[in-house]
Structure formats: structure tokens, C-alpha cells
Amino acid sequence: MGEVEHDLTDTQWAALIEAWGGCAYCGADPPDLQKDCMLPISRGGRYTLANVVPACRSCNASKCNAEVTTWMRRKKLDEQAFLVRQAEIAGATASL
């Protein structure tokens, strides 16, 4: 992981938390949201604005190193709504 460039700033992370308003997957609003890489680091992902969403501990642990759409299909979550919302948020926060 030390060899991969991660460029998510604290300002960007705070903006992501505010924009999502809780866990990006289940909507839970715990105080300790975690940075979840939609494309896991183990599969070539990085901590970047376009790849990170806030996740509660439960969703983050459940997703583990699965790719986000594969995991969402398995959990029967609304993949399309998530991807549309993620694109909207990524676009709105791109200038940070």
C-alpha cells in the first residue's frame, strides 16, 4: 500500500461525509464512518476522491475486498441508485 499514490485530502473526505449524509451503502449515520474504496486497494484501487465513499463498520466489513457492484448485487442493494448518486457527488466535489 505504501507504493500506491493516495491523494484523498482531509477536506475531500469531510465533503464526502457531508454529501453522502451517512453510510453510502445503507444510509446509517454512525459517528465513526470509515473510508471504503469502491475498487479495493487489493484490486488496484486507491484512496482518491473518485474511489472512496463513507461506509459504516458493518458495510465496510461485509464488503471486505469485493468490488462494489458485485457486493451490492450479492446484498440486493440498489446498485443503480448508488452509482448515480456516487457520480453526482464525485462531480460536485471534483473541484476540492
PDB file of N, CA and C in Angstrom:
ATOM      1  N   MET A   1       0.819  -1.182   0.000  1.00  0.00           N
ATOM      2  CA  MET A   1       0.000   0.000   0.000  1.00  0.00           C
ATOM      3  C   MET A   1       0.866   1.249   0.000  1.00  0.00           C
ATOM      4  N   GLY A   2       2.032   1.194   0.566  1.00  0.00           N
ATOM      5  CA  GLY A   2       2.927   2.328   0.599  1.00  0.00           C
ATOM      6  C   GLY A   2       3.442   2.717  -0.772  1.00  0.00           C
ATOM      7  N   GLU A   3       3.382   1.810  -1.728  1.00  0.00           N
ATOM      8  CA  GLU A   3       3.870   2.088  -3.072  1.00  0.00           C
ATOM      9  C   GLU A   3       2.806   2.731  -3.969  1.00  0.00           C
ATOM     10  N   VAL A   4       1.573   2.793  -3.487  1.00  0.00           N
ATOM     11  CA  VAL A   4       0.470   3.343  -4.271  1.00  0.00           C
ATOM     12  C   VAL A   4       0.228   4.781  -3.851  1.00  0.00           C
ATOM     13  N   GLU A   5      -0.020   5.659  -4.820  1.00  0.00           N
ATOM     14  CA  GLU A   5      -0.284   7.062  -4.520  1.00  0.00           C
ATOM     15  C   GLU A   5      -1.747   7.241  -4.107  1.00  0.00           C
ATOM     16  N   HIS A   6      -1.932   7.780  -2.929  1.00  0.00           N
ATOM     17  CA  HIS A   6      -3.265   8.072  -2.411  1.00  0.00           C
ATOM     18  C   HIS A   6      -3.355   9.587  -2.278  1.00  0.00           C
ATOM     19  N   ASP A   7      -4.376  10.195  -2.861  1.00  0.00           N
ATOM     20  CA  ASP A   7      -4.421  11.647  -2.836  1.00  0.00           C
ATOM     21  C   ASP A   7      -5.702  12.227  -2.256  1.00  0.00           C
ATOM     22  N   LEU A   8      -6.457  11.462  -1.484  1.00  0.00           N
ATOM     23  CA  LEU A   8      -7.662  11.968  -0.849  1.00  0.00           C
ATOM     24  C   LEU A   8      -7.263  12.873   0.310  1.00  0.00           C
ATOM     25  N   THR A   9      -7.682  14.133   0.247  1.00  0.00           N
ATOM     26  CA  THR A   9      -7.337  15.082   1.309  1.00  0.00           C
ATOM     27  C   THR A   9      -8.378  15.030   2.422  1.00  0.00           C
ATOM     28  N   ASP A  10      -8.035  15.587   3.568  1.00  0.00           N
ATOM     29  CA  ASP A  10      -8.982  15.663   4.682  1.00  0.00           C
ATOM     30  C   ASP A  10     -10.203  16.495   4.292  1.00  0.00           C
ATOM     31  N   THR A  11      -9.988  17.550   3.525  1.00  0.00           N
ATOM     32  CA  THR A  11     -11.088  18.397   3.065  1.00  0.00           C
ATOM     33  C   THR A  11     -12.037  17.607   2.164  1.00  0.00           C
ATOM     34  N   GLN A  12     -11.484  16.817   1.263  1.00  0.00           N
ATOM     35  CA  GLN A  12     -12.303  15.993   0.384  1.00  0.00           C
ATOM     36  C   GLN A  12     -13.077  14.943   1.173  1.00  0.00           C
ATOM     37  N   TRP A  13     -12.423  14.328   2.147  1.00  0.00           N
ATOM     38  CA  TRP A  13     -13.090  13.313   2.966  1.00  0.00           C
ATOM     39  C   TRP A  13     -14.257  13.932   3.727  1.00  0.00           C
ATOM     40  N   ALA A  14     -14.051  15.104   4.305  1.00  0.00           N
ATOM     41  CA  ALA A  14     -15.132  15.792   5.018  1.00  0.00           C
ATOM     42  C   ALA A  14     -16.287  16.117   4.073  1.00  0.00           C
ATOM     43  N   ALA A  15     -15.972  16.524   2.851  1.00  0.00           N
ATOM     44  CA  ALA A  15     -17.008  16.828   1.857  1.00  0.00           C
ATOM     45  C   ALA A  15     -17.781  15.573   1.476  1.00  0.00           C
ATOM     46  N   LEU A  16     -17.098  14.449   1.354  1.00  0.00           N
ATOM     47  CA  LEU A  16     -17.777  13.191   1.028  1.00  0.00           C
ATOM     48  C   LEU A  16     -18.739  12.783   2.141  1.00  0.00           C
ATOM     49  N   ILE A  17     -18.295  12.904   3.367  1.00  0.00           N
ATOM     50  CA  ILE A  17     -19.161  12.562   4.503  1.00  0.00           C
ATOM     51  C   ILE A  17     -20.403  13.446   4.494  1.00  0.00           C
ATOM     52  N   GLU A  18     -20.204  14.743   4.292  1.00  0.00           N
ATOM     53  CA  GLU A  18     -21.338  15.671   4.267  1.00  0.00           C
ATOM     54  C   GLU A  18     -22.275  15.379   3.096  1.00  0.00           C
ATOM     55  N   ALA A  19     -21.716  15.143   1.928  1.00  0.00           N
ATOM     56  CA  ALA A  19     -22.536  14.900   0.736  1.00  0.00           C
ATOM     57  C   ALA A  19     -23.365  13.624   0.851  1.00  0.00           C
ATOM     58  N   TRP A  20     -22.759  12.570   1.362  1.00  0.00           N
ATOM     59  CA  TRP A  20     -23.489  11.306   1.493  1.00  0.00           C
ATOM     60  C   TRP A  20     -24.465  11.346   2.663  1.00  0.00           C
ATOM     61  N   GLY A  21     -24.147  12.077   3.716  1.00  0.00           N
ATOM     62  CA  GLY A  21     -25.036  12.175   4.870  1.00  0.00           C
ATOM     63  C   GLY A  21     -25.125  10.902   5.686  1.00  0.00           C
ATOM     64  N   GLY A  22     -24.134  10.038   5.586  1.00  0.00           N
ATOM     65  CA  GLY A  22     -24.111   8.768   6.305  1.00  0.00           C
ATOM     66  C   GLY A  22     -23.429   7.718   5.448  1.00  0.00           C
ATOM     67  N   CYS A  23     -23.648   6.480   5.780  1.00  0.00           N
ATOM     68  CA  CYS A  23     -23.052   5.382   5.017  1.00  0.00           C
ATOM     69  C   CYS A  23     -23.574   5.412   3.584  1.00  0.00           C
ATOM     70  N   ALA A  24     -22.675   5.378   2.631  1.00  0.00           N
ATOM     71  CA  ALA A  24     -23.064   5.429   1.220  1.00  0.00           C
ATOM     72  C   ALA A  24     -23.871   4.200   0.807  1.00  0.00           C
ATOM     73  N   TYR A  25     -23.762   3.131   1.550  1.00  0.00           N
ATOM     74  CA  TYR A  25     -24.426   1.882   1.176  1.00  0.00           C
ATOM     75  C   TYR A  25     -25.778   1.693   1.867  1.00  0.00           C
ATOM     76  N   CYS A  26     -25.822   1.894   3.187  1.00  0.00           N
ATOM     77  CA  CYS A  26     -27.061   1.624   3.924  1.00  0.00           C
ATOM     78  C   CYS A  26     -27.705   2.875   4.507  1.00  0.00           C
ATOM     79  N   GLY A  27     -27.003   4.000   4.464  1.00  0.00           N
ATOM     80  CA  GLY A  27     -27.545   5.250   4.979  1.00  0.00           C
ATOM     81  C   GLY A  27     -27.355   5.466   6.466  1.00  0.00           C
ATOM     82  N   ALA A  28     -26.804   4.498   7.180  1.00  0.00           N
ATOM     83  CA  ALA A  28     -26.585   4.640   8.619  1.00  0.00           C
ATOM     84  C   ALA A  28     -25.698   5.852   8.893  1.00  0.00           C
ATOM     85  N   ASP A  29     -25.929   6.495  10.020  1.00  0.00           N
ATOM     86  CA  ASP A  29     -25.178   7.702  10.355  1.00  0.00           C
ATOM     87  C   ASP A  29     -24.410   7.529  11.669  1.00  0.00           C
ATOM     88  N   PRO A  30     -23.539   6.540  11.728  1.00  0.00           N
ATOM     89  CA  PRO A  30     -22.741   6.399  12.942  1.00  0.00           C
ATOM     90  C   PRO A  30     -21.650   7.471  12.984  1.00  0.00           C
ATOM     91  N   PRO A  31     -21.122   7.745  14.152  1.00  0.00           N
ATOM     92  CA  PRO A  31     -20.092   8.784  14.264  1.00  0.00           C
ATOM     93  C   PRO A  31     -18.739   8.364  13.683  1.00  0.00           C
ATOM     94  N   ASP A  32     -18.567   7.105  13.424  1.00  0.00           N
ATOM     95  CA  ASP A  32     -17.249   6.616  13.006  1.00  0.00           C
ATOM     96  C   ASP A  32     -17.269   6.010  11.604  1.00  0.00           C
ATOM     97  N   LEU A  33     -17.706   6.801  10.618  1.00  0.00           N
ATOM     98  CA  LEU A  33     -17.707   6.317   9.244  1.00  0.00           C
ATOM     99  C   LEU A  33     -16.278   6.066   8.788  1.00  0.00           C
ATOM    100  N   GLN A  34     -16.105   5.027   7.991  1.00  0.00           N
ATOM    101  CA  GLN A  34     -14.788   4.626   7.511  1.00  0.00           C
ATOM    102  C   GLN A  34     -14.661   4.910   6.021  1.00  0.00           C
ATOM    103  N   LYS A  35     -13.435   5.086   5.573  1.00  0.00           N
ATOM    104  CA  LYS A  35     -13.163   5.266   4.149  1.00  0.00           C
ATOM    105  C   LYS A  35     -13.199   3.898   3.485  1.00  0.00           C
ATOM    106  N   ASP A  36     -14.131   3.730   2.550  1.00  0.00           N
ATOM    107  CA  ASP A  36     -14.202   2.475   1.818  1.00  0.00           C
ATOM    108  C   ASP A  36     -13.865   2.732   0.359  1.00  0.00           C
ATOM    109  N   CYS A  37     -12.951   1.953  -0.166  1.00  0.00           N
ATOM    110  CA  CYS A  37     -12.593   2.051  -1.585  1.00  0.00           C
ATOM    111  C   CYS A  37     -13.548   1.184  -2.393  1.00  0.00           C
ATOM    112  N   MET A  38     -14.268   1.798  -3.323  1.00  0.00           N
ATOM    113  CA  MET A  38     -15.195   1.028  -4.155  1.00  0.00           C
ATOM    114  C   MET A  38     -14.440  -0.050  -4.919  1.00  0.00           C
ATOM    115  N   LEU A  39     -13.309   0.311  -5.505  1.00  0.00           N
ATOM    116  CA  LEU A  39     -12.397  -0.682  -6.062  1.00  0.00           C
ATOM    117  C   LEU A  39     -11.324  -0.876  -4.995  1.00  0.00           C
ATOM    118  N   PRO A  40     -11.329  -2.019  -4.310  1.00  0.00           N
ATOM    119  CA  PRO A  40     -10.420  -2.229  -3.186  1.00  0.00           C
ATOM    120  C   PRO A  40      -8.948  -2.060  -3.558  1.00  0.00           C
ATOM    121  N   ILE A  41      -8.180  -1.652  -2.592  1.00  0.00           N
ATOM    122  CA  ILE A  41      -6.738  -1.490  -2.780  1.00  0.00           C
ATOM    123  C   ILE A  41      -6.119  -2.801  -3.246  1.00  0.00           C
ATOM    124  N   SER A  42      -6.617  -3.918  -2.729  1.00  0.00           N
ATOM    125  CA  SER A  42      -6.084  -5.226  -3.117  1.00  0.00           C
ATOM    126  C   SER A  42      -6.332  -5.541  -4.587  1.00  0.00           C
ATOM    127  N   ARG A  43      -7.218  -4.774  -5.224  1.00  0.00           N
ATOM    128  CA  ARG A  43      -7.534  -4.984  -6.641  1.00  0.00           C
ATOM    129  C   ARG A  43      -7.088  -3.798  -7.498  1.00  0.00           C
ATOM    130  N   GLY A  44      -6.213  -2.961  -6.927  1.00  0.00           N
ATOM    131  CA  GLY A  44      -5.656  -1.843  -7.684  1.00  0.00           C
ATOM    132  C   GLY A  44      -6.274  -0.495  -7.382  1.00  0.00           C
ATOM    133  N   GLY A  45      -7.227  -0.424  -6.450  1.00  0.00           N
ATOM    134  CA  GLY A  45      -7.851   0.845  -6.093  1.00  0.00           C
ATOM    135  C   GLY A  45      -6.935   1.707  -5.242  1.00  0.00           C
ATOM    136  N   ARG A  46      -7.325   2.977  -5.094  1.00  0.00           N
ATOM    137  CA  ARG A  46      -6.552   3.917  -4.287  1.00  0.00           C
ATOM    138  C   ARG A  46      -7.513   4.772  -3.466  1.00  0.00           C
ATOM    139  N   TYR A  47      -6.975   5.418  -2.448  1.00  0.00           N
ATOM    140  CA  TYR A  47      -7.741   6.387  -1.673  1.00  0.00           C
ATOM    141  C   TYR A  47      -7.765   7.688  -2.468  1.00  0.00           C
ATOM    142  N   THR A  48      -8.775   7.833  -3.339  1.00  0.00           N
ATOM    143  CA  THR A  48      -8.946   9.028  -4.144  1.00  0.00           C
ATOM    144  C   THR A  48     -10.403   9.479  -4.045  1.00  0.00           C
ATOM    145  N   LEU A  49     -10.637  10.705  -4.411  1.00  0.00           N
ATOM    146  CA  LEU A  49     -11.984  11.260  -4.358  1.00  0.00           C
ATOM    147  C   LEU A  49     -12.975  10.430  -5.176  1.00  0.00           C
ATOM    148  N   ALA A  50     -12.563   9.941  -6.310  1.00  0.00           N
ATOM    149  CA  ALA A  50     -13.454   9.171  -7.183  1.00  0.00           C
ATOM    150  C   ALA A  50     -13.660   7.725  -6.729  1.00  0.00           C
ATOM    151  N   ASN A  51     -12.832   7.237  -5.814  1.00  0.00           N
ATOM    152  CA  ASN A  51     -12.898   5.821  -5.436  1.00  0.00           C
ATOM    153  C   ASN A  51     -13.343   5.590  -3.994  1.00  0.00           C
ATOM    154  N   VAL A  52     -13.457   6.624  -3.192  1.00  0.00           N
ATOM    155  CA  VAL A  52     -13.764   6.456  -1.769  1.00  0.00           C
ATOM    156  C   VAL A  52     -15.175   6.941  -1.457  1.00  0.00           C
ATOM    157  N   VAL A  53     -15.861   6.178  -0.628  1.00  0.00           N
ATOM    158  CA  VAL A  53     -17.156   6.579  -0.087  1.00  0.00           C
ATOM    159  C   VAL A  53     -17.148   6.297   1.415  1.00  0.00           C
ATOM    160  N   PRO A  54     -17.957   7.042   2.185  1.00  0.00           N
ATOM    161  CA  PRO A  54     -18.062   6.739   3.605  1.00  0.00           C
ATOM    162  C   PRO A  54     -18.910   5.486   3.822  1.00  0.00           C
ATOM    163  N   ALA A  55     -18.443   4.625   4.703  1.00  0.00           N
ATOM    164  CA  ALA A  55     -19.169   3.383   4.996  1.00  0.00           C
ATOM    165  C   ALA A  55     -19.175   3.122   6.491  1.00  0.00           C
ATOM    166  N   CYS A  56     -20.276   2.588   6.977  1.00  0.00           N
ATOM    167  CA  CYS A  56     -20.326   2.178   8.380  1.00  0.00           C
ATOM    168  C   CYS A  56     -19.454   0.928   8.538  1.00  0.00           C
ATOM    169  N   ARG A  57     -19.118   0.608   9.769  1.00  0.00           N
ATOM    170  CA  ARG A  57     -18.262  -0.562  10.023  1.00  0.00           C
ATOM    171  C   ARG A  57     -18.867  -1.840   9.461  1.00  0.00           C
ATOM    172  N   SER A  58     -20.173  -1.977   9.615  1.00  0.00           N
ATOM    173  CA  SER A  58     -20.839  -3.200   9.171  1.00  0.00           C
ATOM    174  C   SER A  58     -20.734  -3.384   7.650  1.00  0.00           C
ATOM    175  N   CYS A  59     -21.054  -2.331   6.903  1.00  0.00           N
ATOM    176  CA  CYS A  59     -20.973  -2.435   5.438  1.00  0.00           C
ATOM    177  C   CYS A  59     -19.528  -2.605   4.984  1.00  0.00           C
ATOM    178  N   ASN A  60     -18.615  -1.865   5.589  1.00  0.00           N
ATOM    179  CA  ASN A  60     -17.213  -1.956   5.196  1.00  0.00           C
ATOM    180  C   ASN A  60     -16.668  -3.360   5.446  1.00  0.00           C
ATOM    181  N   ALA A  61     -17.009  -3.936   6.587  1.00  0.00           N
ATOM    182  CA  ALA A  61     -16.545  -5.290   6.904  1.00  0.00           C
ATOM    183  C   ALA A  61     -17.188  -6.318   5.977  1.00  0.00           C
ATOM    184  N   SER A  62     -18.459  -6.134   5.675  1.00  0.00           N
ATOM    185  CA  SER A  62     -19.166  -7.068   4.798  1.00  0.00           C
ATOM    186  C   SER A  62     -18.608  -7.022   3.382  1.00  0.00           C
ATOM    187  N   LYS A  63     -18.341  -5.813   2.901  1.00  0.00           N
ATOM    188  CA  LYS A  63     -17.817  -5.657   1.538  1.00  0.00           C
ATOM    189  C   LYS A  63     -16.406  -6.208   1.436  1.00  0.00           C
ATOM    190  N   CYS A  64     -15.623  -6.029   2.466  1.00  0.00           N
ATOM    191  CA  CYS A  64     -14.250  -6.531   2.530  1.00  0.00           C
ATOM    192  C   CYS A  64     -13.470  -6.109   1.288  1.00  0.00           C
ATOM    193  N   ASN A  65     -12.981  -7.032   0.501  1.00  0.00           N
ATOM    194  CA  ASN A  65     -12.206  -6.649  -0.688  1.00  0.00           C
ATOM    195  C   ASN A  65     -12.975  -6.927  -1.986  1.00  0.00           C
ATOM    196  N   ALA A  66     -14.296  -6.994  -1.875  1.00  0.00           N
ATOM    197  CA  ALA A  66     -15.128  -7.193  -3.070  1.00  0.00           C
ATOM    198  C   ALA A  66     -15.252  -5.880  -3.841  1.00  0.00           C
ATOM    199  N   GLU A  67     -15.428  -5.974  -5.127  1.00  0.00           N
ATOM    200  CA  GLU A  67     -15.726  -4.801  -5.946  1.00  0.00           C
ATOM    201  C   GLU A  67     -17.146  -4.367  -5.602  1.00  0.00           C
ATOM    202  N   VAL A  68     -17.398  -3.078  -5.588  1.00  0.00           N
ATOM    203  CA  VAL A  68     -18.645  -2.545  -5.048  1.00  0.00           C
ATOM    204  C   VAL A  68     -19.896  -3.097  -5.734  1.00  0.00           C
ATOM    205  N   THR A  69     -19.927  -3.171  -7.052  1.00  0.00           N
ATOM    206  CA  THR A  69     -21.150  -3.640  -7.702  1.00  0.00           C
ATOM    207  C   THR A  69     -21.397  -5.131  -7.460  1.00  0.00           C
ATOM    208  N   THR A  70     -20.359  -5.907  -7.409  1.00  0.00           N
ATOM    209  CA  THR A  70     -20.504  -7.331  -7.095  1.00  0.00           C
ATOM    210  C   THR A  70     -21.096  -7.502  -5.700  1.00  0.00           C
ATOM    211  N   TRP A  71     -20.552  -6.757  -4.741  1.00  0.00           N
ATOM    212  CA  TRP A  71     -21.034  -6.830  -3.362  1.00  0.00           C
ATOM    213  C   TRP A  71     -22.476  -6.357  -3.267  1.00  0.00           C
ATOM    214  N   MET A  72     -22.809  -5.248  -3.947  1.00  0.00           N
ATOM    215  CA  MET A  72     -24.171  -4.716  -3.874  1.00  0.00           C
ATOM    216  C   MET A  72     -25.178  -5.699  -4.463  1.00  0.00           C
ATOM    217  N   ARG A  73     -24.813  -6.372  -5.537  1.00  0.00           N
ATOM    218  CA  ARG A  73     -25.709  -7.379  -6.120  1.00  0.00           C
ATOM    219  C   ARG A  73     -25.940  -8.523  -5.140  1.00  0.00           C
ATOM    220  N   ARG A  74     -24.867  -8.943  -4.495  1.00  0.00           N
ATOM    221  CA  ARG A  74     -24.977 -10.043  -3.527  1.00  0.00           C
ATOM    222  C   ARG A  74     -25.864  -9.652  -2.345  1.00  0.00           C
ATOM    223  N   LYS A  75     -25.782  -8.387  -1.923  1.00  0.00           N
ATOM    224  CA  LYS A  75     -26.569  -7.900  -0.779  1.00  0.00           C
ATOM    225  C   LYS A  75     -27.959  -7.410  -1.193  1.00  0.00           C
ATOM    226  N   LYS A  76     -28.235  -7.440  -2.504  1.00  0.00           N
ATOM    227  CA  LYS A  76     -29.514  -6.983  -3.047  1.00  0.00           C
ATOM    228  C   LYS A  76     -29.768  -5.507  -2.719  1.00  0.00           C
ATOM    229  N   LEU A  77     -28.717  -4.696  -2.844  1.00  0.00           N
ATOM    230  CA  LEU A  77     -28.824  -3.256  -2.656  1.00  0.00           C
ATOM    231  C   LEU A  77     -29.058  -2.596  -4.013  1.00  0.00           C
ATOM    232  N   ASP A  78     -29.555  -1.389  -4.013  1.00  0.00           N
ATOM    233  CA  ASP A  78     -29.886  -0.679  -5.257  1.00  0.00           C
ATOM    234  C   ASP A  78     -28.606  -0.129  -5.894  1.00  0.00           C
ATOM    235  N   GLU A  79     -27.994  -0.947  -6.714  1.00  0.00           N
ATOM    236  CA  GLU A  79     -26.719  -0.618  -7.359  1.00  0.00           C
ATOM    237  C   GLU A  79     -26.846   0.624  -8.251  1.00  0.00           C
ATOM    238  N   GLN A  80     -27.907   0.702  -9.029  1.00  0.00           N
ATOM    239  CA  GLN A  80     -28.070   1.826  -9.943  1.00  0.00           C
ATOM    240  C   GLN A  80     -28.201   3.145  -9.182  1.00  0.00           C
ATOM    241  N   ALA A  81     -29.009   3.179  -8.154  1.00  0.00           N
ATOM    242  CA  ALA A  81     -29.178   4.405  -7.370  1.00  0.00           C
ATOM    243  C   ALA A  81     -27.855   4.819  -6.730  1.00  0.00           C
ATOM    244  N   PHE A  82     -27.105   3.846  -6.232  1.00  0.00           N
ATOM    245  CA  PHE A  82     -25.804   4.142  -5.634  1.00  0.00           C
ATOM    246  C   PHE A  82     -24.860   4.751  -6.666  1.00  0.00           C
ATOM    247  N   LEU A  83     -24.763   4.134  -7.847  1.00  0.00           N
ATOM    248  CA  LEU A  83     -23.829   4.610  -8.871  1.00  0.00           C
ATOM    249  C   LEU A  83     -24.191   6.001  -9.384  1.00  0.00           C
ATOM    250  N   VAL A  84     -25.484   6.277  -9.522  1.00  0.00           N
ATOM    251  CA  VAL A  84     -25.914   7.611  -9.939  1.00  0.00           C
ATOM    252  C   VAL A  84     -25.546   8.628  -8.866  1.00  0.00           C
ATOM    253  N   ARG A  85     -25.847   8.312  -7.627  1.00  0.00           N
ATOM    254  CA  ARG A  85     -25.528   9.227  -6.511  1.00  0.00           C
ATOM    255  C   ARG A  85     -24.025   9.426  -6.401  1.00  0.00           C
ATOM    256  N   GLN A  86     -23.245   8.376  -6.541  1.00  0.00           N
ATOM    257  CA  GLN A  86     -21.791   8.486  -6.455  1.00  0.00           C
ATOM    258  C   GLN A  86     -21.258   9.396  -7.553  1.00  0.00           C
ATOM    259  N   ALA A  87     -21.788   9.274  -8.755  1.00  0.00           N
ATOM    260  CA  ALA A  87     -21.351  10.127  -9.859  1.00  0.00           C
ATOM    261  C   ALA A  87     -21.714  11.583  -9.604  1.00  0.00           C
ATOM    262  N   GLU A  88     -22.906  11.824  -9.067  1.00  0.00           N
ATOM    263  CA  GLU A  88     -23.321  13.194  -8.735  1.00  0.00           C
ATOM    264  C   GLU A  88     -22.396  13.811  -7.694  1.00  0.00           C
ATOM    265  N   ILE A  89     -22.097  13.046  -6.656  1.00  0.00           N
ATOM    266  CA  ILE A  89     -21.238  13.546  -5.586  1.00  0.00           C
ATOM    267  C   ILE A  89     -19.821  13.755  -6.083  1.00  0.00           C
ATOM    268  N   ALA A  90     -19.313  12.822  -6.874  1.00  0.00           N
ATOM    269  CA  ALA A  90     -17.965  12.959  -7.421  1.00  0.00           C
ATOM    270  C   ALA A  90     -17.863  14.221  -8.276  1.00  0.00           C
ATOM    271  N   GLY A  91     -18.880  14.483  -9.074  1.00  0.00           N
ATOM    272  CA  GLY A  91     -18.885  15.679  -9.904  1.00  0.00           C
ATOM    273  C   GLY A  91     -18.949  16.957  -9.082  1.00  0.00           C
ATOM    274  N   ALA A  92     -19.774  16.925  -8.036  1.00  0.00           N
ATOM    275  CA  ALA A  92     -19.936  18.115  -7.202  1.00  0.00           C
ATOM    276  C   ALA A  92     -18.709  18.422  -6.347  1.00  0.00           C
ATOM    277  N   THR A  93     -17.936  17.402  -6.041  1.00  0.00           N
ATOM    278  CA  THR A  93     -16.762  17.602  -5.168  1.00  0.00           C
ATOM    279  C   THR A  93     -15.452  17.602  -5.947  1.00  0.00           C
ATOM    280  N   ALA A  94     -15.501  17.484  -7.252  1.00  0.00           N
ATOM    281  CA  ALA A  94     -14.284  17.364  -8.068  1.00  0.00           C
ATOM    282  C   ALA A  94     -13.358  18.565  -7.951  1.00  0.00           C
ATOM    283  N   SER A  95     -13.886  19.712  -7.649  1.00  0.00           N
ATOM    284  CA  SER A  95     -13.044  20.911  -7.602  1.00  0.00           C
ATOM    285  C   SER A  95     -12.349  21.110  -6.257  1.00  0.00           C
ATOM    286  N   LEU A  96     -12.588  20.222  -5.320  1.00  0.00           N
ATOM    287  CA  LEU A  96     -11.958  20.377  -3.994  1.00  0.00           C
ATOM    288  C   LEU A  96     -10.495  20.012  -4.018  1.00  0.00           C
TER     289      LEU A  96
END
